[in-house]
PDB file of all heavy atoms in Angstrom:
ATOM      1  N   ASN A   1      44.518  -4.054 -15.856  1.00  0.00           N
ATOM      2  CA  ASN A   1      43.094  -4.390 -15.794  1.00  0.00           C
ATOM      3  C   ASN A   1      42.517  -4.391 -17.208  1.00  0.00           C
ATOM      4  O   ASN A   1      42.636  -3.390 -17.922  1.00  0.00           O
ATOM      5  CB  ASN A   1      42.364  -3.369 -14.915  1.00  0.00           C
ATOM      6  CG  ASN A   1      40.965  -3.831 -14.556  1.00  0.00           C
ATOM      7  OD1 ASN A   1      40.373  -4.627 -15.261  1.00  0.00           O
ATOM      8  ND2 ASN A   1      40.463  -3.328 -13.450  1.00  0.00           N
ATOM      9  N   PRO A   2      41.886  -5.481 -17.655  1.00  0.00           N
ATOM     10  CA  PRO A   2      41.357  -5.509 -19.020  1.00  0.00           C
ATOM     11  C   PRO A   2      40.265  -4.478 -19.274  1.00  0.00           C
ATOM     12  O   PRO A   2      40.160  -3.945 -20.382  1.00  0.00           O
ATOM     13  CB  PRO A   2      40.810  -6.941 -19.165  1.00  0.00           C
ATOM     14  CG  PRO A   2      41.481  -7.732 -18.115  1.00  0.00           C
ATOM     15  CD  PRO A   2      41.748  -6.798 -16.988  1.00  0.00           C
ATOM     16  N   VAL A   3      39.443  -4.168 -18.263  1.00  0.00           N
ATOM     17  CA  VAL A   3      38.396  -3.165 -18.447  1.00  0.00           C
ATOM     18  C   VAL A   3      39.011  -1.788 -18.649  1.00  0.00           C
ATOM     19  O   VAL A   3      38.590  -1.012 -19.522  1.00  0.00           O
ATOM     20  CB  VAL A   3      37.432  -3.182 -17.245  1.00  0.00           C
ATOM     21  CG1 VAL A   3      36.367  -2.107 -17.400  1.00  0.00           C
ATOM     22  CG2 VAL A   3      36.781  -4.545 -17.099  1.00  0.00           C
ATOM     23  N   HIS A   4      40.041  -1.458 -17.874  1.00  0.00           N
ATOM     24  CA  HIS A   4      40.715  -0.170 -18.039  1.00  0.00           C
ATOM     25  C   HIS A   4      41.404  -0.088 -19.399  1.00  0.00           C
ATOM     26  O   HIS A   4      41.399   0.974 -20.042  1.00  0.00           O
ATOM     27  CB  HIS A   4      41.734   0.026 -16.915  1.00  0.00           C
ATOM     28  CG  HIS A   4      41.104   0.118 -15.556  1.00  0.00           C
ATOM     29  ND1 HIS A   4      41.828   0.030 -14.384  1.00  0.00           N
ATOM     30  CD2 HIS A   4      39.806   0.281 -15.178  1.00  0.00           C
ATOM     31  CE1 HIS A   4      41.021   0.143 -13.345  1.00  0.00           C
ATOM     32  NE2 HIS A   4      39.779   0.286 -13.812  1.00  0.00           N
ATOM     33  N   ALA A   5      41.994  -1.189 -19.838  1.00  0.00           N
ATOM     34  CA  ALA A   5      42.624  -1.198 -21.160  1.00  0.00           C
ATOM     35  C   ALA A   5      41.587  -0.995 -22.265  1.00  0.00           C
ATOM     36  O   ALA A   5      41.838  -0.266 -23.237  1.00  0.00           O
ATOM     37  CB  ALA A   5      43.375  -2.508 -21.369  1.00  0.00           C
ATOM     38  N   ALA A   6      40.420  -1.618 -22.130  1.00  0.00           N
ATOM     39  CA  ALA A   6      39.363  -1.438 -23.131  1.00  0.00           C
ATOM     40  C   ALA A   6      38.842  -0.003 -23.126  1.00  0.00           C
ATOM     41  O   ALA A   6      38.569   0.579 -24.186  1.00  0.00           O
ATOM     42  CB  ALA A   6      38.223  -2.414 -22.867  1.00  0.00           C
ATOM     43  N   LEU A   7      38.716   0.616 -21.955  1.00  0.00           N
ATOM     44  CA  LEU A   7      38.291   2.017 -21.893  1.00  0.00           C
ATOM     45  C   LEU A   7      39.348   2.936 -22.494  1.00  0.00           C
ATOM     46  O   LEU A   7      39.009   3.945 -23.131  1.00  0.00           O
ATOM     47  CB  LEU A   7      37.994   2.402 -20.444  1.00  0.00           C
ATOM     48  CG  LEU A   7      36.755   1.750 -19.831  1.00  0.00           C
ATOM     49  CD1 LEU A   7      36.626   2.122 -18.362  1.00  0.00           C
ATOM     50  CD2 LEU A   7      35.498   2.163 -20.585  1.00  0.00           C
ATOM     51  N   SER A   8      40.617   2.612 -22.310  1.00  0.00           N
ATOM     52  CA  SER A   8      41.672   3.394 -22.960  1.00  0.00           C
ATOM     53  C   SER A   8      41.597   3.263 -24.478  1.00  0.00           C
ATOM     54  O   SER A   8      41.851   4.225 -25.210  1.00  0.00           O
ATOM     55  CB  SER A   8      43.042   2.939 -22.462  1.00  0.00           C
ATOM     56  OG  SER A   8      43.180   3.185 -21.090  1.00  0.00           O
ATOM     57  N   LEU A   9      41.212   2.084 -24.953  1.00  0.00           N
ATOM     58  CA  LEU A   9      41.035   1.905 -26.397  1.00  0.00           C
ATOM     59  C   LEU A   9      39.866   2.725 -26.911  1.00  0.00           C
ATOM     60  O   LEU A   9      39.917   3.283 -28.017  1.00  0.00           O
ATOM     61  CB  LEU A   9      40.848   0.416 -26.702  1.00  0.00           C
ATOM     62  CG  LEU A   9      40.915   0.002 -28.168  1.00  0.00           C
ATOM     63  CD1 LEU A   9      42.230   0.430 -28.797  1.00  0.00           C
ATOM     64  CD2 LEU A   9      40.746  -1.495 -28.300  1.00  0.00           C
ATOM     65  N   VAL A  10      38.795   2.824 -26.125  1.00  0.00           N
ATOM     66  CA  VAL A  10      37.664   3.688 -26.504  1.00  0.00           C
ATOM     67  C   VAL A  10      38.125   5.138 -26.602  1.00  0.00           C
ATOM     68  O   VAL A  10      37.779   5.864 -27.547  1.00  0.00           O
ATOM     69  CB  VAL A  10      36.516   3.534 -25.484  1.00  0.00           C
ATOM     70  CG1 VAL A  10      35.447   4.585 -25.718  1.00  0.00           C
ATOM     71  CG2 VAL A  10      35.907   2.145 -25.564  1.00  0.00           C
ATOM     72  N   LEU A  11      38.918   5.594 -25.629  1.00  0.00           N
ATOM     73  CA  LEU A  11      39.440   6.956 -25.661  1.00  0.00           C
ATOM     74  C   LEU A  11      40.329   7.186 -26.877  1.00  0.00           C
ATOM     75  O   LEU A  11      40.263   8.251 -27.527  1.00  0.00           O
ATOM     76  CB  LEU A  11      40.212   7.243 -24.376  1.00  0.00           C
ATOM     77  CG  LEU A  11      40.888   8.621 -24.279  1.00  0.00           C
ATOM     78  CD1 LEU A  11      39.860   9.731 -24.354  1.00  0.00           C
ATOM     79  CD2 LEU A  11      41.709   8.715 -23.009  1.00  0.00           C
ATOM     80  N   SER A  12      41.136   6.200 -27.222  1.00  0.00           N
ATOM     81  CA  SER A  12      41.987   6.347 -28.406  1.00  0.00           C
ATOM     82  C   SER A  12      41.158   6.416 -29.681  1.00  0.00           C
ATOM     83  O   SER A  12      41.482   7.184 -30.600  1.00  0.00           O
ATOM     84  CB  SER A  12      42.983   5.189 -28.478  1.00  0.00           C
ATOM     85  OG  SER A  12      42.320   3.959 -28.702  1.00  0.00           O
ATOM     86  N   PHE A  13      40.061   5.652 -29.761  1.00  0.00           N
ATOM     87  CA  PHE A  13      39.187   5.736 -30.937  1.00  0.00           C
ATOM     88  C   PHE A  13      38.539   7.117 -31.043  1.00  0.00           C
ATOM     89  O   PHE A  13      38.464   7.698 -32.136  1.00  0.00           O
ATOM     90  CB  PHE A  13      38.106   4.654 -30.867  1.00  0.00           C
ATOM     91  CG  PHE A  13      38.612   3.281 -31.196  1.00  0.00           C
ATOM     92  CD1 PHE A  13      37.989   2.164 -30.668  1.00  0.00           C
ATOM     93  CD2 PHE A  13      39.699   3.098 -32.025  1.00  0.00           C
ATOM     94  CE1 PHE A  13      38.451   0.889 -30.963  1.00  0.00           C
ATOM     95  CE2 PHE A  13      40.168   1.833 -32.327  1.00  0.00           C
ATOM     96  CZ  PHE A  13      39.537   0.734 -31.797  1.00  0.00           C
ATOM     97  N   PHE A  14      38.051   7.650 -29.926  1.00  0.00           N
ATOM     98  CA  PHE A  14      37.446   8.978 -29.950  1.00  0.00           C
ATOM     99  C   PHE A  14      38.475  10.037 -30.363  1.00  0.00           C
ATOM    100  O   PHE A  14      38.159  10.946 -31.147  1.00  0.00           O
ATOM    101  CB  PHE A  14      36.868   9.318 -28.570  1.00  0.00           C
ATOM    102  CG  PHE A  14      35.437   8.951 -28.413  1.00  0.00           C
ATOM    103  CD1 PHE A  14      35.064   7.920 -27.566  1.00  0.00           C
ATOM    104  CD2 PHE A  14      34.440   9.615 -29.096  1.00  0.00           C
ATOM    105  CE1 PHE A  14      33.740   7.564 -27.414  1.00  0.00           C
ATOM    106  CE2 PHE A  14      33.108   9.273 -28.961  1.00  0.00           C
ATOM    107  CZ  PHE A  14      32.760   8.241 -28.106  1.00  0.00           C
ATOM    108  N   THR A  15      39.680   9.924 -29.843  1.00  0.00           N
ATOM    109  CA  THR A  15      40.703  10.907 -30.172  1.00  0.00           C
ATOM    110  C   THR A  15      41.113  10.806 -31.639  1.00  0.00           C
ATOM    111  O   THR A  15      41.332  11.826 -32.299  1.00  0.00           O
ATOM    112  CB  THR A  15      41.921  10.709 -29.267  1.00  0.00           C
ATOM    113  OG1 THR A  15      41.483  10.601 -27.913  1.00  0.00           O
ATOM    114  CG2 THR A  15      42.872  11.862 -29.378  1.00  0.00           C
ATOM    115  N   ALA A  16      41.216   9.585 -32.157  1.00  0.00           N
ATOM    116  CA  ALA A  16      41.520   9.415 -33.580  1.00  0.00           C
ATOM    117  C   ALA A  16      40.404   9.999 -34.448  1.00  0.00           C
ATOM    118  O   ALA A  16      40.671  10.593 -35.502  1.00  0.00           O
ATOM    119  CB  ALA A  16      41.731   7.941 -33.896  1.00  0.00           C
ATOM    120  N   ALA A  17      39.151   9.849 -33.994  1.00  0.00           N
ATOM    121  CA  ALA A  17      38.047  10.466 -34.730  1.00  0.00           C
ATOM    122  C   ALA A  17      38.154  11.987 -34.714  1.00  0.00           C
ATOM    123  O   ALA A  17      37.852  12.657 -35.715  1.00  0.00           O
ATOM    124  CB  ALA A  17      36.709  10.032 -34.120  1.00  0.00           C
ATOM    125  N   GLY A  18      38.611  12.559 -33.590  1.00  0.00           N
ATOM    126  CA  GLY A  18      38.826  14.003 -33.553  1.00  0.00           C
ATOM    127  C   GLY A  18      39.909  14.446 -34.528  1.00  0.00           C
ATOM    128  O   GLY A  18      39.792  15.499 -35.172  1.00  0.00           O
ATOM    129  N   ILE A  19      40.970  13.654 -34.663  1.00  0.00           N
ATOM    130  CA  ILE A  19      42.030  13.986 -35.628  1.00  0.00           C
ATOM    131  C   ILE A  19      41.499  13.901 -37.052  1.00  0.00           C
ATOM    132  O   ILE A  19      41.822  14.728 -37.907  1.00  0.00           O
ATOM    133  CB  ILE A  19      43.241  13.066 -35.416  1.00  0.00           C
ATOM    134  CG1 ILE A  19      43.879  13.350 -34.054  1.00  0.00           C
ATOM    135  CG2 ILE A  19      44.274  13.250 -36.516  1.00  0.00           C
ATOM    136  CD1 ILE A  19      45.025  12.436 -33.705  1.00  0.00           C
ATOM    137  N   TRP A  20      40.642  12.911 -37.320  1.00  0.00           N
ATOM    138  CA  TRP A  20      40.015  12.826 -38.639  1.00  0.00           C
ATOM    139  C   TRP A  20      39.155  14.049 -38.913  1.00  0.00           C
ATOM    140  O   TRP A  20      39.113  14.549 -40.046  1.00  0.00           O
ATOM    141  CB  TRP A  20      39.168  11.563 -38.752  1.00  0.00           C
ATOM    142  CG  TRP A  20      39.935  10.302 -39.008  1.00  0.00           C
ATOM    143  CD1 TRP A  20      40.051   9.239 -38.168  1.00  0.00           C
ATOM    144  CD2 TRP A  20      40.690   9.978 -40.179  1.00  0.00           C
ATOM    145  NE1 TRP A  20      40.834   8.269 -38.735  1.00  0.00           N
ATOM    146  CE2 TRP A  20      41.239   8.689 -39.967  1.00  0.00           C
ATOM    147  CE3 TRP A  20      40.953  10.639 -41.358  1.00  0.00           C
ATOM    148  CZ2 TRP A  20      42.032   8.066 -40.913  1.00  0.00           C
ATOM    149  CZ3 TRP A  20      41.756  10.011 -42.303  1.00  0.00           C
ATOM    150  CH2 TRP A  20      42.280   8.740 -42.070  1.00  0.00           C
ATOM    151  N   MET A  21      38.459  14.553 -37.893  1.00  0.00           N
ATOM    152  CA  MET A  21      37.653  15.759 -38.078  1.00  0.00           C
ATOM    153  C   MET A  21      38.524  16.973 -38.393  1.00  0.00           C
ATOM    154  O   MET A  21      38.151  17.817 -39.210  1.00  0.00           O
ATOM    155  CB  MET A  21      36.821  16.024 -36.824  1.00  0.00           C
ATOM    156  CG  MET A  21      35.731  15.010 -36.570  1.00  0.00           C
ATOM    157  SD  MET A  21      34.378  15.104 -37.759  1.00  0.00           S
ATOM    158  CE  MET A  21      33.632  16.636 -37.266  1.00  0.00           C
ATOM    159  N   ILE A  22      39.684  17.070 -37.738  1.00  0.00           N
ATOM    160  CA  ILE A  22      40.593  18.183 -38.034  1.00  0.00           C
ATOM    161  C   ILE A  22      41.093  18.103 -39.471  1.00  0.00           C
ATOM    162  O   ILE A  22      41.247  19.120 -40.153  1.00  0.00           O
ATOM    163  CB  ILE A  22      41.773  18.160 -37.043  1.00  0.00           C
ATOM    164  CG1 ILE A  22      41.285  18.464 -35.628  1.00  0.00           C
ATOM    165  CG2 ILE A  22      42.843  19.178 -37.432  1.00  0.00           C
ATOM    166  CD1 ILE A  22      42.339  18.319 -34.574  1.00  0.00           C
ATOM    167  N   LEU A  23      41.314  16.889 -39.960  1.00  0.00           N
ATOM    168  CA  LEU A  23      41.781  16.695 -41.335  1.00  0.00           C
ATOM    169  C   LEU A  23      40.647  16.743 -42.362  1.00  0.00           C
ATOM    170  O   LEU A  23      40.858  16.371 -43.524  1.00  0.00           O
ATOM    171  CB  LEU A  23      42.509  15.349 -41.434  1.00  0.00           C
ATOM    172  CG  LEU A  23      43.790  15.233 -40.594  1.00  0.00           C
ATOM    173  CD1 LEU A  23      44.362  13.833 -40.688  1.00  0.00           C
ATOM    174  CD2 LEU A  23      44.809  16.263 -41.043  1.00  0.00           C
ATOM    175  N   ARG A  24      39.454  17.156 -41.919  1.00  0.00           N
ATOM    176  CA  ARG A  24      38.274  17.321 -42.785  1.00  0.00           C
ATOM    177  C   ARG A  24      37.830  16.004 -43.421  1.00  0.00           C
ATOM    178  O   ARG A  24      37.414  15.970 -44.571  1.00  0.00           O
ATOM    179  CB  ARG A  24      38.543  18.365 -43.869  1.00  0.00           C
ATOM    180  CG  ARG A  24      38.791  19.761 -43.334  1.00  0.00           C
ATOM    181  CD  ARG A  24      39.065  20.748 -44.446  1.00  0.00           C
ATOM    182  NE  ARG A  24      39.289  22.079 -43.918  1.00  0.00           N
ATOM    183  CZ  ARG A  24      40.461  22.530 -43.507  1.00  0.00           C
ATOM    184  NH1 ARG A  24      41.522  21.724 -43.544  1.00  0.00           N
ATOM    185  NH2 ARG A  24      40.595  23.754 -43.052  1.00  0.00           N
ATOM    186  N   ALA A  25      37.947  14.929 -42.658  1.00  0.00           N
ATOM    187  CA  ALA A  25      37.457  13.620 -43.097  1.00  0.00           C
ATOM    188  C   ALA A  25      36.321  13.212 -42.163  1.00  0.00           C
ATOM    189  O   ALA A  25      36.469  12.329 -41.324  1.00  0.00           O
ATOM    190  CB  ALA A  25      38.580  12.592 -43.096  1.00  0.00           C
ATOM    191  N   GLU A  26      35.187  13.890 -42.308  1.00  0.00           N
ATOM    192  CA  GLU A  26      34.078  13.703 -41.371  1.00  0.00           C
ATOM    193  C   GLU A  26      33.482  12.314 -41.468  1.00  0.00           C
ATOM    194  O   GLU A  26      33.083  11.729 -40.458  1.00  0.00           O
ATOM    195  CB  GLU A  26      32.993  14.760 -41.615  1.00  0.00           C
ATOM    196  CG  GLU A  26      33.417  16.184 -41.367  1.00  0.00           C
ATOM    197  CD  GLU A  26      34.063  16.823 -42.581  1.00  0.00           C
ATOM    198  OE1 GLU A  26      34.075  16.163 -43.644  1.00  0.00           O
ATOM    199  OE2 GLU A  26      34.554  17.957 -42.475  1.00  0.00           O
ATOM    200  N   PHE A  27      33.396  11.780 -42.671  1.00  0.00           N
ATOM    201  CA  PHE A  27      32.796  10.452 -42.833  1.00  0.00           C
ATOM    202  C   PHE A  27      33.617   9.383 -42.117  1.00  0.00           C
ATOM    203  O   PHE A  27      33.064   8.513 -41.438  1.00  0.00           O
ATOM    204  CB  PHE A  27      32.674  10.120 -44.319  1.00  0.00           C
ATOM    205  CG  PHE A  27      32.127   8.747 -44.581  1.00  0.00           C
ATOM    206  CD1 PHE A  27      30.774   8.500 -44.453  1.00  0.00           C
ATOM    207  CD2 PHE A  27      32.966   7.699 -44.933  1.00  0.00           C
ATOM    208  CE1 PHE A  27      30.261   7.235 -44.672  1.00  0.00           C
ATOM    209  CE2 PHE A  27      32.459   6.436 -45.153  1.00  0.00           C
ATOM    210  CZ  PHE A  27      31.107   6.208 -45.031  1.00  0.00           C
ATOM    211  N   LEU A  28      34.936   9.445 -42.249  1.00  0.00           N
ATOM    212  CA  LEU A  28      35.788   8.461 -41.574  1.00  0.00           C
ATOM    213  C   LEU A  28      35.702   8.615 -40.061  1.00  0.00           C
ATOM    214  O   LEU A  28      35.733   7.618 -39.330  1.00  0.00           O
ATOM    215  CB  LEU A  28      37.233   8.616 -42.046  1.00  0.00           C
ATOM    216  CG  LEU A  28      37.488   8.307 -43.519  1.00  0.00           C
ATOM    217  CD1 LEU A  28      38.935   8.567 -43.875  1.00  0.00           C
ATOM    218  CD2 LEU A  28      37.112   6.877 -43.839  1.00  0.00           C
ATOM    219  N   ALA A  29      35.594   9.856 -39.586  1.00  0.00           N
ATOM    220  CA  ALA A  29      35.477  10.068 -38.144  1.00  0.00           C
ATOM    221  C   ALA A  29      34.182   9.482 -37.596  1.00  0.00           C
ATOM    222  O   ALA A  29      34.177   8.786 -36.571  1.00  0.00           O
ATOM    223  CB  ALA A  29      35.559  11.561 -37.835  1.00  0.00           C
TER     224      ALA A  29
END
């Protein structure tokens, strides 16, 4: 389903932002 795939991409972006926060790169997150 394209909508489910797009929502999974949103989740991956949020999770990548969390990893950036752990690495102390707040601006990139």
